[in-house]
Protein backbone atom coordinates (compact mmCIF):
# COMPACT_ATOMS: atom_id res chain seq x y z
CA MET A 1 18.62 0.69 -5.45
CA ASP A 2 20.03 4.25 -6.62
CA ILE A 3 21.12 6.39 -4.16
CA LEU A 4 18.36 9.21 -4.59
CA LYS A 5 15.82 6.44 -3.63
CA THR A 6 17.85 5.23 -0.56
CA ILE A 7 17.94 9.03 0.74
CA GLU A 8 14.50 9.13 0.60
CA ARG A 9 13.34 5.86 1.94
CA THR A 10 15.71 6.19 4.71
CA PHE A 11 14.71 10.10 5.43
CA ASN A 12 13.47 9.23 8.74
CA ALA A 13 17.03 8.23 9.97
CA PHE A 14 18.53 11.46 9.52
CA HIS A 15 18.88 13.86 12.41
CA PRO A 16 17.58 17.69 11.13
CA LYS A 17 20.74 18.99 10.07
CA GLU A 18 21.07 15.81 7.92
CA ARG A 19 17.63 15.95 6.33
CA ALA A 20 18.70 19.54 5.44
CA VAL A 21 21.38 18.12 3.18
CA ALA A 22 19.12 15.17 1.92
CA LEU A 23 16.59 17.43 0.90
CA TYR A 24 18.86 19.72 -0.95
CA VAL A 25 20.24 16.64 -2.96
CA VAL A 26 17.00 15.23 -3.81
CA ASN A 27 16.01 18.52 -5.01
CA HIS A 28 19.18 19.51 -6.60
CA PRO A 29 20.97 16.40 -7.74
CA ARG A 30 22.71 17.78 -10.97
CA ASP A 31 24.01 20.55 -8.83
CA VAL A 32 25.39 18.88 -6.24
CA ARG A 33 27.06 16.10 -8.41
CA GLU A 34 29.36 19.23 -8.98
CA MET A 35 29.84 20.59 -5.64
CA LYS A 36 32.60 20.21 -3.14
CA ILE A 37 31.78 19.10 0.12
CA THR A 38 32.29 22.62 1.81
CA GLN A 39 29.78 24.21 -1.00
CA LEU A 40 27.22 21.57 0.08
CA ALA A 41 27.40 22.23 3.91
CA GLN A 42 27.51 26.08 3.02
CA VAL A 43 24.32 25.91 0.91
CA THR A 44 22.48 23.75 3.53
CA HIS A 45 23.85 25.72 6.31
CA THR A 46 25.51 22.72 7.86
CA SER A 47 29.10 21.35 8.50
CA ILE A 48 31.36 19.47 6.50
CA ALA A 49 31.01 16.76 9.52
CA THR A 50 27.04 16.79 8.89
CA VAL A 51 27.73 16.02 5.13
CA ASN A 52 30.13 13.10 6.18
CA ARG A 53 27.79 11.68 8.35
CA PHE A 54 25.00 11.80 5.94
CA SER A 55 27.16 9.88 3.27
CA GLN A 56 27.85 7.19 5.53
CA LYS A 57 24.47 6.56 6.61
CA ILE A 58 23.32 6.18 3.12
CA GLY A 59 25.94 3.51 2.77
CA CYS A 60 28.58 5.59 1.15
CA LYS A 61 32.25 5.17 2.13
CA SER A 62 32.87 8.94 1.54
CA TYR A 63 31.33 12.18 0.18
CA ALA A 64 33.63 11.19 -2.83
CA ASP A 65 31.67 7.90 -3.06
CA PHE A 66 28.67 9.41 -2.77
CA LYS A 67 29.19 12.09 -5.78
CA ILE A 68 30.22 8.87 -7.93
CA GLN A 69 26.61 7.33 -7.10
CA LEU A 70 25.01 10.46 -7.62
CA ALA A 71 26.44 10.77 -10.85
CA VAL A 72 25.43 7.41 -11.95
CA VAL A 73 21.85 8.35 -11.04
CA THR A 74 21.60 12.00 -12.55
CA THR A 75 23.38 10.90 -15.84
CA GLU A 76 19.89 9.23 -16.92
CA GLN A 77 17.69 11.24 -14.91
CA ARG A 78 15.51 13.61 -17.01
CA PRO A 79 15.31 17.00 -15.21
CA VAL A 80 11.86 18.22 -13.72
CA PRO A 81 10.73 21.53 -15.20
CA ALA A 82 11.51 24.82 -12.97
CA ALA A 83 8.88 25.96 -10.50
CA ASN A 84 8.99 28.93 -11.79
CA SER A 85 8.01 28.81 -15.24
CA ASP A 86 5.31 30.89 -16.82
CA ASP A 87 3.20 27.76 -17.83
CA THR A 88 1.42 26.95 -14.74
CA LEU A 89 -0.52 24.28 -16.37
CA GLN A 90 2.67 22.39 -17.56
CA GLN A 91 4.22 22.69 -14.04
CA ILE A 92 1.02 21.18 -12.35
CA ASN A 93 1.19 18.47 -14.97
CA GLU A 94 4.69 17.75 -14.47
CA PHE A 95 4.05 17.63 -10.88
CA TYR A 96 1.55 14.82 -11.06
CA LYS A 97 3.25 12.96 -13.79
CA HIS A 98 6.51 12.96 -11.27
CA VAL A 99 4.73 11.63 -8.46
CA ILE A 100 2.71 8.80 -10.30
CA ASN A 101 6.04 8.03 -12.15
CA LYS A 102 8.00 7.80 -8.54
CA SER A 103 4.93 6.10 -7.10
CA VAL A 104 5.20 3.38 -9.72
CA GLU A 105 8.87 2.65 -8.84
CA ARG A 106 7.96 1.80 -5.33
CA LEU A 107 5.14 -0.35 -5.85
CA ASP A 108 5.54 -3.99 -6.40
CA GLU A 109 2.63 -6.67 -7.53
CA GLU A 110 3.63 -9.13 -4.85
CA THR A 111 3.05 -6.61 -2.00
CA ILE A 112 0.10 -5.20 -3.55
CA THR A 113 -1.27 -9.10 -4.00
CA GLN A 114 -0.76 -9.71 -0.11
CA VAL A 115 -2.56 -6.46 0.88
CA VAL A 116 -5.62 -7.57 -1.60
CA SER A 117 -5.61 -11.10 0.13
CA LYS A 118 -5.37 -9.42 3.49
CA ILE A 119 -8.35 -6.99 2.58
CA SER A 120 -10.62 -9.74 1.10
CA GLN A 121 -9.94 -12.36 4.13
CA ALA A 122 -10.71 -9.81 6.90
CA ARG A 123 -13.89 -9.92 9.06
CA LYS A 124 -13.63 -6.07 9.64
CA ILE A 125 -11.34 -3.64 8.10
CA TYR A 126 -10.42 -0.44 10.10
CA VAL A 127 -8.32 2.61 8.17
CA TYR A 128 -6.38 4.84 10.46
CA GLY A 129 -5.52 8.32 9.46
CA ILE A 130 -5.19 11.93 11.04
CA GLY A 131 -5.77 15.31 9.01
CA SER A 132 -5.47 14.92 5.55
CA SER A 133 -4.70 11.15 5.64
CA GLY A 134 -8.04 11.05 7.78
CA LEU A 135 -9.56 12.30 4.51
CA THR A 136 -7.86 9.50 2.62
CA ALA A 137 -9.01 7.06 5.03
CA LYS A 138 -12.69 7.80 4.53
CA GLU A 139 -12.38 7.67 0.67
CA PHE A 140 -10.81 4.05 1.03
CA GLU A 141 -13.74 3.18 3.52
CA THR A 142 -16.34 4.13 0.57
CA ARG A 143 -14.35 2.18 -1.98
CA LEU A 144 -14.39 -0.79 0.48
CA SER A 145 -17.51 -0.64 1.53
CA ARG A 146 -19.13 -0.29 -1.98
CA MET A 147 -17.72 -3.58 -2.73
CA GLY A 148 -19.30 -5.16 0.17
CA LEU A 149 -16.51 -5.32 2.49
CA THR A 150 -17.34 -4.01 6.34
CA ALA A 151 -14.98 -1.41 6.18
CA PHE A 152 -14.69 1.72 8.87
CA ALA A 153 -12.46 4.94 8.77
CA CYS A 154 -11.24 6.04 11.98
CA THR A 155 -9.89 9.42 12.03
CA ASP A 156 -9.32 10.81 15.45
CA SER A 157 -7.37 9.40 18.15
CA HIS A 158 -10.12 8.24 20.56
CA SER A 159 -11.93 6.34 17.65
CA MET A 160 -9.02 4.88 16.58
CA LYS A 161 -8.29 3.45 20.23
CA ILE A 162 -11.63 2.32 20.87
CA ALA A 163 -11.90 0.25 17.96
CA ALA A 164 -8.23 -0.90 18.57
CA SER A 165 -9.35 -2.55 21.75
CA LEU A 166 -12.15 -4.47 20.32
CA LEU A 167 -10.15 -6.13 17.44
CA THR A 168 -9.48 -9.73 16.93
CA ALA A 169 -7.12 -11.69 15.18
CA LYS A 170 -9.93 -11.92 12.36
CA ASP A 171 -9.46 -8.25 11.58
CA LEU A 172 -7.42 -5.94 9.55
CA VAL A 173 -6.29 -2.27 10.06
CA ILE A 174 -4.24 -0.21 7.80
CA CYS A 175 -2.53 2.72 8.88
CA ILE A 176 -2.07 5.78 6.72
CA SER A 177 0.65 8.17 7.77
CA ILE A 178 3.06 9.63 5.19
CA SER A 179 5.65 10.30 7.55
CA GLY A 180 5.30 6.89 9.60
CA ASN A 181 5.63 8.70 12.69
CA THR A 182 2.17 10.05 13.69
CA VAL A 183 1.86 9.44 17.00
CA GLU A 184 -2.14 8.72 17.50
CA VAL A 185 -1.82 6.22 14.51
CA ILE A 186 1.13 4.25 16.10
CA GLU A 187 -0.54 3.95 19.34
CA ALA A 188 -3.74 2.68 18.05
CA ALA A 189 -1.74 0.09 15.84
CA GLN A 190 0.21 -1.10 18.61
CA LEU A 191 -3.17 -1.44 20.51
CA ALA A 192 -4.56 -3.35 17.74
CA ARG A 193 -1.37 -5.53 17.41
CA GLN A 194 -1.59 -6.69 21.19
CA GLN A 195 -5.19 -7.79 19.95
CA GLY A 196 -3.96 -9.82 17.53
CA ALA A 197 -5.12 -8.04 14.47
CA THR A 198 -3.05 -7.79 11.41
CA ILE A 199 -1.29 -4.09 10.71
CA ILE A 200 -0.77 -3.06 7.31
CA SER A 201 0.81 0.73 6.61
CA PHE A 202 0.98 3.11 3.96
CA THR A 203 3.89 5.60 4.25
CA SER A 204 6.55 6.90 2.62
CA PHE A 205 9.51 5.51 4.64
CA GLN A 206 10.96 2.16 5.48
CA LYS A 207 12.30 2.84 8.66
CA SER A 208 9.48 4.15 11.14
CA LYS A 209 7.61 3.56 14.31
CA LEU A 210 4.67 2.50 12.16
CA THR A 211 6.31 0.00 9.93
CA GLU A 212 8.19 -1.56 13.05
CA THR A 213 4.40 -2.17 13.96
CA SER A 214 3.27 -3.21 10.70
CA GLU A 215 3.23 -6.92 9.25
CA ILE A 216 3.21 -5.49 5.39
CA THR A 217 4.14 -1.85 4.45
CA VAL A 218 3.44 -0.76 1.31
CA LEU A 219 5.52 2.70 0.28
CA VAL A 220 4.13 5.53 -1.57
CA TYR A 221 6.31 8.38 -2.91
CA ASN A 222 6.27 11.68 -0.95
CA ALA A 223 5.97 14.93 -2.59
CA LEU A 224 8.19 16.29 0.05
CA PHE A 225 11.10 15.63 -2.26
CA LEU A 226 9.51 17.60 -5.20
CA ASN A 227 10.45 21.16 -3.72
CA ARG A 228 7.12 22.73 -4.87
CA GLU A 229 5.84 25.39 -2.20
CA ASN A 230 2.98 26.40 -4.26
CA PHE A 231 1.15 23.06 -4.95
CA ILE A 232 2.03 20.21 -2.90
CA ASN A 233 -0.67 17.48 -2.42
CA SER A 234 0.89 14.98 0.23
CA GLN A 235 -2.15 12.42 -0.55
CA PHE A 236 -1.74 12.16 -4.42
CA SER A 237 0.54 9.22 -4.36
CA LEU A 238 -1.83 7.60 -1.44
CA MET A 239 -4.86 8.05 -3.71
CA TYR A 240 -3.01 6.49 -6.80
CA LEU A 241 -2.46 3.40 -4.50
CA ILE A 242 -6.20 3.24 -3.55
CA ASP A 243 -7.02 3.33 -7.11
CA VAL A 244 -4.45 0.59 -7.79
CA LEU A 245 -5.77 -1.31 -4.72
CA SER A 246 -9.51 -0.87 -6.04
CA VAL A 247 -8.63 -2.22 -9.67
CA TYR A 248 -6.89 -5.50 -7.57
CA LEU A 249 -9.77 -5.88 -5.70
CA LEU A 250 -12.43 -5.86 -8.47
CA ARG A 251 -11.02 -8.85 -10.23
CA ASP A 252 -12.87 -10.63 -7.60
CA PRO A 253 -16.54 -11.25 -9.09
CA ALA A 254 -18.07 -10.87 -5.84
CA HIS A 255 -16.67 -7.86 -5.44
CA ALA A 256 -17.20 -6.56 -8.69
CA ALA A 257 -20.97 -7.65 -8.28
CA ASP A 258 -21.51 -5.84 -5.03
CA MET A 259 -19.83 -2.44 -6.79
CA ALA A 260 -22.29 -2.84 -9.92
CA ARG A 261 -25.07 -3.27 -7.31
CA THR A 262 -24.16 -0.17 -5.40
CA ILE A 263 -23.96 2.03 -8.89
CA SER A 264 -27.19 0.96 -10.00
CA VAL A 265 -28.82 1.98 -6.60
CA ILE A 266 -27.02 5.43 -7.03
CA HIS A 267 -27.25 5.60 -10.66
CA PRO A 268 -30.29 3.83 -11.51
CA ARG A 269 -31.15 3.36 -15.56
């Protein structure tokens, strides 16, 4: 795994000042590879000690070792067009292309196949999400329901906990949290696990309280690392994942038949 991916996946393990360094590195990798440690500390408003700790936390022996690994990655990396370009449409197109390409890198077929199997075998499927992730949970509920699966979206802490208290080992909970630290989702997931339900998480970071509770974790790309202040769609990578899972589920003739039936009802010929 390259050093930038390591930084992104372990972001939650950094202290606040180390996160400032991490974000600057991810957003300006080509600049950082030319910087001395004092310069990086200055532009991130941190200290030499913080930069050294950051380097060690991502598995580097020193800042010099970190820069060597960064140079390897950025030599082959195509720069993302600057956000201040006059071509707004091009900016947005590049943003979404980048998110999809990064999302593709994170997904593997074995994990997707495992998730699809758990979804197909579950008696009931509950999708947990708060805020924007709640909207994604509702969308996934609709997709699953139209394939003949018994699915429910829970988008507030009370409905999550109530549902979790009634689960059994035959049920599945899918938790959506980009950060992996959404308290309401974590508490409900822990309760659901106590009831014997299978927990799957959709998140951006390998290490979080949510992933510790989950049997399967599907990692998606976090737009936080794209340095785009004007148009940040935190759910885009999750919607891509839902599309992928939907296509895999529709390989099952029964799910495909149920989807076709719902389409014929809504759009009769």
